[in-house]
Amino acid sequence: MTISSVSNAALEGMQAASARVESAAFRVSQAAAGSSDVVDLSAEMVALIQVKSMHGTMVNVARMAEEADKQVLNLLA
């Protein structure tokens, strides 16, 4: 796996996390607006906590890929 593919995977992970946040927010807002009768707020909070962890992990992966890029450039210079 190349460094750029690691960066791309991290970006895709962050985008997936963002989509999950939007989905959970939509479900909660539908319940608050009275459009939905049943929303499991506990499940939505668990999902948001998982997404927070997922996003943080992907940020760390992106940082590590950037650091690896810098190390490679230093070796080649």
N, C-alpha and C. Protein backbone atom coordinates (compact mmCIF):
# COMPACT_ATOMS: atom_id res chain seq x y z
N MET A 1 0.86 -1.17 0.00
CA MET A 1 0.00 0.00 0.00
C MET A 1 0.90 1.23 0.00
N THR A 2 0.66 2.14 -0.91
CA THR A 2 1.48 3.34 -0.99
C THR A 2 1.00 4.39 0.00
N ILE A 3 1.85 5.38 0.23
CA ILE A 3 1.50 6.44 1.17
C ILE A 3 0.28 7.21 0.70
N SER A 4 0.21 7.47 -0.61
CA SER A 4 -0.96 8.21 -1.12
C SER A 4 -2.24 7.40 -0.96
N SER A 5 -2.16 6.08 -1.09
CA SER A 5 -3.36 5.28 -0.90
C SER A 5 -3.78 5.26 0.57
N VAL A 6 -2.82 5.36 1.47
CA VAL A 6 -3.14 5.46 2.90
C VAL A 6 -3.86 6.78 3.16
N SER A 7 -3.35 7.86 2.56
CA SER A 7 -3.99 9.16 2.71
C SER A 7 -5.40 9.14 2.13
N ASN A 8 -5.56 8.52 0.98
CA ASN A 8 -6.89 8.40 0.37
C ASN A 8 -7.84 7.59 1.24
N ALA A 9 -7.34 6.52 1.83
CA ALA A 9 -8.18 5.70 2.71
C ALA A 9 -8.60 6.51 3.94
N ALA A 10 -7.69 7.32 4.47
CA ALA A 10 -8.02 8.16 5.62
C ALA A 10 -9.09 9.18 5.25
N LEU A 11 -8.94 9.78 4.08
CA LEU A 11 -9.93 10.75 3.61
C LEU A 11 -11.29 10.09 3.42
N GLU A 12 -11.31 8.92 2.83
CA GLU A 12 -12.57 8.20 2.64
C GLU A 12 -13.21 7.86 3.99
N GLY A 13 -12.39 7.49 4.96
CA GLY A 13 -12.90 7.20 6.30
C GLY A 13 -13.51 8.43 6.95
N MET A 14 -12.86 9.59 6.78
CA MET A 14 -13.41 10.83 7.33
C MET A 14 -14.71 11.21 6.63
N GLN A 15 -14.78 10.98 5.34
CA GLN A 15 -16.02 11.27 4.60
C GLN A 15 -17.14 10.33 5.05
N ALA A 16 -16.81 9.06 5.29
CA ALA A 16 -17.82 8.11 5.77
C ALA A 16 -18.31 8.52 7.16
N ALA A 17 -17.39 8.97 8.00
CA ALA A 17 -17.77 9.42 9.34
C ALA A 17 -18.70 10.63 9.25
N SER A 18 -18.39 11.54 8.36
CA SER A 18 -19.23 12.72 8.17
C SER A 18 -20.63 12.33 7.71
N ALA A 19 -20.71 11.38 6.81
CA ALA A 19 -22.01 10.92 6.32
C ALA A 19 -22.82 10.28 7.45
N ARG A 20 -22.15 9.54 8.33
CA ARG A 20 -22.85 8.91 9.45
C ARG A 20 -23.37 9.96 10.43
N VAL A 21 -22.59 11.04 10.64
CA VAL A 21 -23.06 12.12 11.51
C VAL A 21 -24.30 12.78 10.91
N GLU A 22 -24.25 13.05 9.61
CA GLU A 22 -25.40 13.66 8.95
C GLU A 22 -26.64 12.77 9.06
N SER A 23 -26.45 11.49 8.91
CA SER A 23 -27.57 10.55 8.99
C SER A 23 -28.17 10.54 10.40
N ALA A 24 -27.33 10.47 11.40
CA ALA A 24 -27.82 10.47 12.79
C ALA A 24 -28.51 11.79 13.11
N ALA A 25 -27.93 12.90 12.67
CA ALA A 25 -28.53 14.21 12.92
C ALA A 25 -29.90 14.32 12.25
N PHE A 26 -30.01 13.78 11.06
CA PHE A 26 -31.29 13.82 10.36
C PHE A 26 -32.36 13.04 11.12
N ARG A 27 -31.99 11.84 11.59
CA ARG A 27 -32.96 11.01 12.32
C ARG A 27 -33.41 11.71 13.61
N VAL A 28 -32.48 12.32 14.31
CA VAL A 28 -32.82 13.02 15.56
C VAL A 28 -33.68 14.24 15.25
N SER A 29 -33.35 14.97 14.19
CA SER A 29 -34.13 16.17 13.85
C SER A 29 -35.54 15.81 13.41
N GLN A 30 -35.70 14.67 12.74
CA GLN A 30 -37.03 14.22 12.34
C GLN A 30 -37.88 13.93 13.57
N ALA A 31 -37.27 13.33 14.57
CA ALA A 31 -38.01 13.04 15.80
C ALA A 31 -38.37 14.34 16.52
N ALA A 32 -37.44 15.28 16.56
CA ALA A 32 -37.69 16.55 17.25
C ALA A 32 -38.79 17.35 16.55
N ALA A 33 -38.88 17.21 15.23
CA ALA A 33 -39.89 17.94 14.46
C ALA A 33 -41.23 17.22 14.48
N GLY A 34 -41.27 16.04 15.05
CA GLY A 34 -42.52 15.29 15.11
C GLY A 34 -42.80 14.49 13.85
N SER A 35 -41.84 14.41 12.95
CA SER A 35 -42.03 13.66 11.70
C SER A 35 -41.86 12.16 11.89
N SER A 36 -41.23 11.79 12.97
CA SER A 36 -40.99 10.37 13.23
C SER A 36 -41.47 10.05 14.64
N ASP A 37 -42.14 8.94 14.79
CA ASP A 37 -42.66 8.55 16.09
C ASP A 37 -41.60 7.93 16.99
N VAL A 38 -40.67 7.20 16.39
CA VAL A 38 -39.71 6.44 17.18
C VAL A 38 -38.29 6.74 16.75
N VAL A 39 -37.50 7.20 17.70
CA VAL A 39 -36.06 7.36 17.49
C VAL A 39 -35.37 6.88 18.75
N ASP A 40 -34.42 6.00 18.59
CA ASP A 40 -33.67 5.49 19.73
C ASP A 40 -32.50 6.44 19.97
N LEU A 41 -32.72 7.40 20.88
CA LEU A 41 -31.70 8.41 21.14
C LEU A 41 -30.41 7.79 21.67
N SER A 42 -30.53 6.74 22.46
CA SER A 42 -29.33 6.06 22.97
C SER A 42 -28.51 5.49 21.82
N ALA A 43 -29.17 4.86 20.87
CA ALA A 43 -28.47 4.30 19.72
C ALA A 43 -27.82 5.40 18.88
N GLU A 44 -28.52 6.51 18.75
CA GLU A 44 -27.96 7.63 17.97
C GLU A 44 -26.73 8.21 18.67
N MET A 45 -26.78 8.31 19.99
CA MET A 45 -25.62 8.82 20.73
C MET A 45 -24.44 7.86 20.63
N VAL A 46 -24.72 6.57 20.72
CA VAL A 46 -23.66 5.57 20.57
C VAL A 46 -23.04 5.70 19.18
N ALA A 47 -23.88 5.87 18.17
CA ALA A 47 -23.38 6.03 16.80
C ALA A 47 -22.49 7.26 16.69
N LEU A 48 -22.90 8.37 17.31
CA LEU A 48 -22.10 9.59 17.26
C LEU A 48 -20.77 9.42 17.98
N ILE A 49 -20.77 8.71 19.09
CA ILE A 49 -19.51 8.46 19.81
C ILE A 49 -18.59 7.59 18.97
N GLN A 50 -19.15 6.59 18.30
CA GLN A 50 -18.35 5.73 17.42
C GLN A 50 -17.76 6.54 16.27
N VAL A 51 -18.57 7.43 15.72
CA VAL A 51 -18.11 8.26 14.61
C VAL A 51 -16.98 9.19 15.06
N LYS A 52 -17.12 9.73 16.26
CA LYS A 52 -16.06 10.60 16.79
C LYS A 52 -14.75 9.84 16.88
N SER A 53 -14.80 8.62 17.37
CA SER A 53 -13.61 7.78 17.46
C SER A 53 -13.06 7.46 16.08
N MET A 54 -13.96 7.10 15.17
CA MET A 54 -13.56 6.76 13.79
C MET A 54 -12.88 7.95 13.12
N HIS A 55 -13.46 9.13 13.28
CA HIS A 55 -12.91 10.32 12.65
C HIS A 55 -11.53 10.63 13.23
N GLY A 56 -11.40 10.55 14.56
CA GLY A 56 -10.11 10.79 15.19
C GLY A 56 -9.04 9.83 14.71
N THR A 57 -9.42 8.57 14.54
CA THR A 57 -8.48 7.58 14.05
C THR A 57 -8.04 7.90 12.62
N MET A 58 -8.99 8.30 11.79
CA MET A 58 -8.66 8.63 10.40
C MET A 58 -7.77 9.88 10.32
N VAL A 59 -7.98 10.83 11.20
CA VAL A 59 -7.12 12.02 11.26
C VAL A 59 -5.70 11.59 11.62
N ASN A 60 -5.57 10.70 12.59
CA ASN A 60 -4.24 10.21 12.97
C ASN A 60 -3.57 9.45 11.83
N VAL A 61 -4.34 8.67 11.09
CA VAL A 61 -3.79 7.96 9.94
C VAL A 61 -3.28 8.95 8.90
N ALA A 62 -4.06 10.00 8.64
CA ALA A 62 -3.65 11.02 7.67
C ALA A 62 -2.38 11.72 8.14
N ARG A 63 -2.29 12.01 9.42
CA ARG A 63 -1.08 12.65 9.96
C ARG A 63 0.14 11.75 9.80
N MET A 64 -0.05 10.47 10.08
CA MET A 64 1.06 9.53 9.94
C MET A 64 1.49 9.40 8.48
N ALA A 65 0.54 9.41 7.56
CA ALA A 65 0.88 9.34 6.14
C ALA A 65 1.65 10.59 5.72
N GLU A 66 1.23 11.74 6.24
CA GLU A 66 1.94 12.98 5.93
C GLU A 66 3.37 12.93 6.47
N GLU A 67 3.52 12.43 7.68
CA GLU A 67 4.85 12.30 8.28
C GLU A 67 5.71 11.33 7.47
N ALA A 68 5.12 10.24 7.00
CA ALA A 68 5.86 9.29 6.17
C ALA A 68 6.29 9.94 4.86
N ASP A 69 5.40 10.76 4.27
CA ASP A 69 5.76 11.50 3.05
C ASP A 69 6.98 12.38 3.31
N LYS A 70 6.97 13.08 4.42
CA LYS A 70 8.09 13.97 4.76
C LYS A 70 9.38 13.18 4.93
N GLN A 71 9.30 12.03 5.57
CA GLN A 71 10.48 11.20 5.78
C GLN A 71 11.05 10.70 4.45
N VAL A 72 10.17 10.30 3.55
CA VAL A 72 10.62 9.84 2.22
C VAL A 72 11.30 10.98 1.47
N LEU A 73 10.68 12.16 1.52
CA LEU A 73 11.30 13.30 0.85
C LEU A 73 12.66 13.66 1.45
N ASN A 74 12.77 13.55 2.76
CA ASN A 74 14.07 13.81 3.40
C ASN A 74 15.11 12.80 2.99
N LEU A 75 14.72 11.55 2.82
CA LEU A 75 15.66 10.53 2.38
C LEU A 75 16.12 10.75 0.95
N LEU A 76 15.23 11.26 0.13
CA LEU A 76 15.55 11.47 -1.28
C LEU A 76 16.32 12.76 -1.52
N ALA A 77 16.24 13.68 -0.56
CA ALA A 77 16.90 14.99 -0.74
C ALA A 77 18.38 14.93 -0.53
